[in-house]
């Protein structure tokens, strides 16, 4: 676990929950590090992801999310989900509806911070990204895929629904009809199809994945931070606005940029 005064270029060792946080100036890298189980996720990992979001230094501009070993993430760790812990499926089922929803909201917070407008987030995906792994990638702004990557929204195979913040982004990227088919079948989506239907920002050879992600992060960091934040907000809100509303949002964003750059309001 990192602290606010972590030195740039240093790695904070992973603790027992299986999440490592590395900080290199304005770029933070979050690594799922349970390679022996293909980075299967647990509620403790989600809590650590949420904790990392609170610890990010203010000058971090890009967050890269990756998985160690042979896969990005095989999804929910079923041994934890079916165990006797406080966050097991059985325990959740016996909470009141409000308590259960509140507990799930806590799980979601480990994912939804990746949509924060003040940072740009990149998922570096190789191997399987199943269920919670797919949703972790969906919560990122961009998804760079190795050519061996495979997505699957497999919750339906357990009689469950995707609940970690992935459904809206999925529908936005591929449309509601295709999103429904993906969620109802739980099928594997290979990298070439993910690229074709809009799930991938880019697909690269597996050996080039780290370099491609590093190059993208460097390009983002080299751009003006204020412009990046305004552009992300403009594009994120565009689907909810009419053309006149988006035109107005552009005018307002540009006015803020001009005043910030030229000091007009000081």
Protein backbone atom coordinates (compact mmCIF):
# COMPACT_ATOMS: atom_id res chain seq x y z
CA UNK A 1 0.00 0.00 0.00
CA UNK A 2 1.33 3.38 -0.94
CA UNK A 3 1.43 6.61 0.95
CA UNK A 4 1.00 10.16 -0.25
CA UNK A 5 4.74 10.79 0.02
CA UNK A 6 5.89 7.75 -1.95
CA UNK A 7 9.01 8.54 -3.93
CA UNK A 8 8.61 8.68 -7.74
CA UNK A 9 10.01 5.64 -9.51
CA UNK A 10 9.52 3.42 -6.49
CA UNK A 11 7.33 0.37 -6.09
CA UNK A 12 5.22 -0.27 -3.04
CA UNK A 13 5.35 -4.03 -2.37
CA UNK A 14 2.14 -5.99 -2.78
CA UNK A 15 0.55 -7.06 0.43
CA UNK A 16 -1.41 -10.22 1.03
CA UNK A 17 -4.50 -9.06 -0.85
CA UNK A 18 -2.77 -9.29 -4.24
CA UNK A 19 -2.61 -5.70 -5.50
CA UNK A 20 0.63 -3.81 -6.12
CA UNK A 21 0.95 -0.07 -6.68
CA UNK A 22 3.93 1.46 -8.49
CA UNK A 23 4.48 5.20 -8.80
CA UNK A 24 6.70 6.81 -11.46
CA UNK A 25 6.14 10.57 -11.41
CA UNK A 26 2.76 11.36 -12.99
CA UNK A 27 2.13 7.71 -13.97
CA UNK A 28 0.81 5.15 -11.48
CA UNK A 29 0.59 1.45 -12.27
CA UNK A 30 -1.83 -0.83 -10.44
CA UNK A 31 -1.02 -4.51 -10.84
CA UNK A 32 -3.18 -7.46 -9.90
CA UNK A 33 -0.62 -9.91 -8.57
CA UNK A 34 -2.16 -13.28 -7.83
CA UNK A 35 -0.73 -14.98 -10.92
CA UNK A 36 -1.08 -18.44 -9.44
CA UNK A 37 -4.90 -18.08 -9.77
CA UNK A 38 -4.83 -15.92 -12.92
CA UNK A 39 -5.41 -12.82 -10.77
CA UNK A 40 -8.83 -13.98 -9.60
CA UNK A 41 -10.33 -11.16 -7.57
CA UNK A 42 -11.58 -10.98 -4.00
CA UNK A 43 -13.46 -8.33 -2.02
CA UNK A 44 -10.19 -7.63 -0.19
CA UNK A 45 -8.60 -6.73 -3.52
CA UNK A 46 -11.50 -4.42 -4.34
CA UNK A 47 -11.07 -2.70 -0.99
CA UNK A 48 -7.38 -2.23 -1.74
CA UNK A 49 -8.17 -0.80 -5.18
CA UNK A 50 -10.49 1.72 -3.54
CA UNK A 51 -7.81 2.52 -0.97
CA UNK A 52 -5.26 3.17 -3.72
CA UNK A 53 -7.65 5.69 -5.26
CA UNK A 54 -7.63 7.64 -2.02
CA UNK A 55 -3.83 7.54 -1.79
CA UNK A 56 -3.02 8.73 -5.31
CA UNK A 57 -0.82 11.84 -5.18
CA UNK A 58 -2.41 14.89 -6.73
CA UNK A 59 0.11 15.06 -9.56
CA UNK A 60 -0.75 11.61 -10.94
CA UNK A 61 -2.23 12.03 -14.40
CA UNK A 62 -2.27 8.50 -15.81
CA UNK A 63 -3.15 5.21 -14.12
CA UNK A 64 -2.27 1.92 -15.84
CA UNK A 65 -4.06 -1.24 -14.70
CA UNK A 66 -2.46 -4.57 -15.55
CA UNK A 67 -2.30 -8.19 -14.47
CA UNK A 68 0.77 -10.20 -13.55
CA UNK A 69 1.46 -13.57 -15.11
CA UNK A 70 -0.59 -15.29 -17.83
CA UNK A 71 -3.80 -13.25 -17.61
CA UNK A 72 -5.27 -9.86 -16.80
CA UNK A 73 -7.86 -11.40 -14.46
CA UNK A 74 -9.93 -14.56 -14.41
CA UNK A 75 -12.71 -12.70 -12.58
CA UNK A 76 -14.25 -13.41 -9.21
CA UNK A 77 -12.36 -15.85 -7.00
CA UNK A 78 -15.06 -18.48 -6.54
CA UNK A 79 -13.38 -19.97 -3.48
CA UNK A 80 -13.84 -16.64 -1.68
CA UNK A 81 -17.31 -16.10 -3.10
CA UNK A 82 -18.50 -19.49 -1.88
CA UNK A 83 -16.65 -19.38 1.44
CA UNK A 84 -17.78 -18.27 4.86
CA UNK A 85 -16.42 -14.72 4.90
CA UNK A 86 -18.46 -11.58 5.46
CA UNK A 87 -18.44 -10.82 1.73
CA UNK A 88 -19.30 -14.31 0.49
CA UNK A 89 -22.34 -14.67 -1.72
CA UNK A 90 -24.13 -16.61 1.00
CA UNK A 91 -23.58 -13.87 3.58
CA UNK A 92 -24.66 -11.17 1.13
CA UNK A 93 -27.86 -13.07 0.36
CA UNK A 94 -28.87 -12.99 4.02
CA UNK A 95 -28.41 -9.25 4.48
CA UNK A 96 -31.34 -6.89 4.15
CA UNK A 97 -31.78 -5.57 0.58
CA UNK A 98 -30.38 -2.19 1.60
CA UNK A 99 -27.42 -3.70 3.44
CA UNK A 100 -26.63 -5.92 0.47
CA UNK A 101 -26.82 -2.98 -1.95
CA UNK A 102 -24.59 -0.92 0.34
CA UNK A 103 -22.03 -3.71 0.47
CA UNK A 104 -22.02 -3.95 -3.32
CA UNK A 105 -21.60 -0.17 -3.53
CA UNK A 106 -18.41 -0.61 -1.53
CA UNK A 107 -17.19 -3.24 -3.99
CA UNK A 108 -18.00 -0.93 -6.91
CA UNK A 109 -15.87 1.85 -5.44
CA UNK A 110 -12.77 -0.23 -6.21
CA UNK A 111 -13.65 0.08 -9.91
CA UNK A 112 -15.56 3.32 -10.48
CA UNK A 113 -12.73 5.65 -9.38
CA UNK A 114 -11.03 4.74 -12.64
CA UNK A 115 -13.58 6.99 -14.36
CA UNK A 116 -12.40 10.02 -12.34
CA UNK A 117 -12.20 13.03 -14.71
CA UNK A 118 -8.88 14.19 -13.24
CA UNK A 119 -6.95 11.14 -14.48
CA UNK A 120 -6.73 9.08 -17.65
CA UNK A 121 -6.83 5.33 -17.06
CA UNK A 122 -5.49 2.61 -19.34
CA UNK A 123 -6.11 -1.13 -19.03
CA UNK A 124 -3.25 -3.24 -20.39
CA UNK A 125 -5.04 -6.51 -21.12
CA UNK A 126 -3.47 -9.84 -21.97
CA UNK A 127 -4.88 -13.32 -21.66
CA UNK A 128 -8.27 -13.70 -20.06
CA UNK A 129 -10.31 -10.78 -18.70
CA UNK A 130 -13.41 -12.49 -17.36
CA UNK A 131 -16.30 -11.10 -15.33
CA UNK A 132 -14.81 -8.73 -12.77
CA UNK A 133 -11.68 -8.61 -14.93
CA UNK A 134 -13.69 -7.48 -17.94
CA UNK A 135 -15.46 -4.88 -15.83
CA UNK A 136 -12.17 -3.60 -14.42
CA UNK A 137 -10.99 -3.01 -17.99
CA UNK A 138 -14.32 -1.41 -18.94
CA UNK A 139 -14.03 1.13 -16.15
CA UNK A 140 -10.77 2.35 -17.66
CA UNK A 141 -10.84 5.09 -20.29
CA UNK A 142 -8.82 3.03 -22.78
CA UNK A 143 -8.11 -0.65 -23.29
CA UNK A 144 -4.89 -1.70 -25.04
CA UNK A 145 -5.13 -5.42 -25.81
CA UNK A 146 -2.48 -7.98 -26.51
CA UNK A 147 -3.45 -10.18 -29.43
CA UNK A 148 -4.04 -13.10 -27.04
CA UNK A 149 -6.61 -11.18 -24.96
CA UNK A 150 -10.11 -12.56 -24.46
CA UNK A 151 -13.04 -10.81 -22.79
CA UNK A 152 -16.03 -12.53 -21.21
CA UNK A 153 -18.92 -11.22 -19.10
CA UNK A 154 -19.44 -14.54 -17.36
CA UNK A 155 -21.65 -13.52 -14.42
CA UNK A 156 -24.69 -15.09 -16.07
CA UNK A 157 -23.07 -18.53 -15.76
CA UNK A 158 -23.42 -18.13 -11.98
CA UNK A 159 -26.97 -16.79 -12.21
CA UNK A 160 -25.68 -13.31 -11.37
CA UNK A 161 -25.57 -9.93 -13.10
CA UNK A 162 -22.54 -7.70 -13.82
CA UNK A 163 -22.48 -5.26 -10.89
CA UNK A 164 -19.03 -3.65 -10.83
CA UNK A 165 -19.71 -0.63 -13.00
CA UNK A 166 -19.24 -2.25 -16.40
CA UNK A 167 -22.69 -2.40 -17.99
CA UNK A 168 -23.11 1.26 -18.98
CA UNK A 169 -19.67 1.49 -20.60
CA UNK A 170 -20.25 -1.82 -22.39
CA UNK A 171 -23.55 -0.60 -23.85
CA UNK A 172 -21.97 2.72 -24.84
CA UNK A 173 -19.10 1.00 -26.63
CA UNK A 174 -20.93 -1.74 -28.53
CA UNK A 175 -24.62 -0.74 -28.40
CA UNK A 176 -27.40 -2.20 -26.23
CA UNK A 177 -28.23 -5.16 -28.47
CA UNK A 178 -24.68 -6.47 -28.72
CA UNK A 179 -24.08 -5.72 -25.03
CA UNK A 180 -27.11 -7.84 -24.18
CA UNK A 181 -25.81 -10.72 -26.29
CA UNK A 182 -22.38 -10.50 -24.63
CA UNK A 183 -23.88 -10.50 -21.13
CA UNK A 184 -26.47 -13.22 -21.75
CA UNK A 185 -24.12 -15.70 -23.41
CA UNK A 186 -20.97 -15.10 -21.36
CA UNK A 187 -19.02 -16.10 -24.46
CA UNK A 188 -15.33 -15.41 -25.04
CA UNK A 189 -14.56 -12.38 -27.23
CA UNK A 190 -11.11 -12.61 -28.83
CA UNK A 191 -8.95 -9.54 -29.35
CA UNK A 192 -9.68 -9.18 -33.05
CA UNK A 193 -13.43 -9.13 -32.44
CA UNK A 194 -13.00 -6.76 -29.47
CA UNK A 195 -11.17 -4.42 -31.81
CA UNK A 196 -13.82 -4.72 -34.51
CA UNK A 197 -16.78 -3.98 -32.22
CA UNK A 198 -15.18 -1.11 -30.32
CA UNK A 199 -14.08 -2.71 -27.05
CA UNK A 200 -10.38 -2.19 -27.77
CA UNK A 201 -8.57 1.10 -28.19
CA UNK A 202 -5.80 -0.85 -29.93
CA UNK A 203 -4.58 -4.43 -30.32
CA UNK A 204 -0.85 -5.14 -30.39
CA UNK A 205 1.37 -8.24 -30.34
CA UNK A 206 1.71 -9.60 -26.83
CA UNK A 207 5.41 -8.77 -26.72
CA UNK A 208 4.64 -5.12 -27.54
CA UNK A 209 1.90 -4.57 -24.95
CA UNK A 210 4.01 -2.92 -22.25
CA UNK A 211 5.73 -0.64 -24.75
CA UNK A 212 2.48 0.41 -26.41
CA UNK A 213 0.93 1.28 -23.07
CA UNK A 214 4.04 3.19 -21.98
CA UNK A 215 4.04 5.17 -25.23
CA UNK A 216 0.38 6.07 -24.82
CA UNK A 217 0.91 7.14 -21.20
CA UNK A 218 3.87 9.31 -22.25
CA UNK A 219 1.80 10.99 -24.96
CA UNK A 220 -0.96 11.80 -22.47
CA UNK A 221 1.48 13.15 -19.90
CA UNK A 222 3.11 15.38 -22.54
CA UNK A 223 -0.24 17.08 -23.25
CA UNK A 224 -1.52 20.04 -21.23
CA UNK A 225 -3.13 18.67 -18.06
CA UNK A 226 -5.99 21.15 -18.06
CA UNK A 227 -6.83 20.43 -21.69
CA UNK A 228 -6.75 16.68 -21.08
CA UNK A 229 -9.20 16.97 -18.18
CA UNK A 230 -11.57 19.22 -20.14
CA UNK A 231 -11.48 16.94 -23.20
CA UNK A 232 -12.18 13.86 -21.10
CA UNK A 233 -15.15 15.58 -19.47
CA UNK A 234 -16.47 16.81 -22.83
CA UNK A 235 -16.38 13.37 -24.38
CA UNK A 236 -17.69 11.57 -21.30
CA UNK A 237 -20.74 13.81 -21.17
CA UNK A 238 -21.39 13.91 -24.92
CA UNK A 239 -23.79 10.92 -25.08
CA UNK A 240 -26.07 12.60 -22.54
CA UNK A 241 -26.23 15.95 -24.33
CA UNK A 242 -28.04 17.21 -27.40
CA UNK A 243 -25.99 18.87 -30.13
CA UNK A 244 -26.80 22.38 -28.82
CA UNK A 245 -25.92 21.28 -25.29
CA UNK A 246 -22.62 19.80 -26.44
CA UNK A 247 -21.87 22.98 -28.42
CA UNK A 248 -22.44 24.98 -25.26
CA UNK A 249 -20.25 22.61 -23.22
CA UNK A 250 -17.45 23.10 -25.76
CA UNK A 251 -17.77 26.88 -25.54
CA UNK A 252 -17.69 26.82 -21.76
CA UNK A 253 -14.71 24.45 -21.66
CA UNK A 254 -12.77 26.59 -24.12
CA UNK A 255 -13.56 29.73 -22.14
CA UNK A 256 -12.10 28.09 -19.03
CA UNK A 257 -9.02 27.02 -20.97
CA UNK A 258 -8.41 30.49 -22.36
CA UNK A 259 -8.80 32.11 -18.96
CA UNK A 260 -6.48 29.56 -17.35
CA UNK A 261 -3.84 29.85 -20.07
CA UNK A 262 -3.88 33.61 -20.50
CA UNK A 263 -4.61 34.61 -16.91
CA UNK A 264 -7.81 36.58 -17.72
CA UNK A 265 -9.65 36.30 -14.42
CA UNK A 266 -6.69 36.75 -12.14
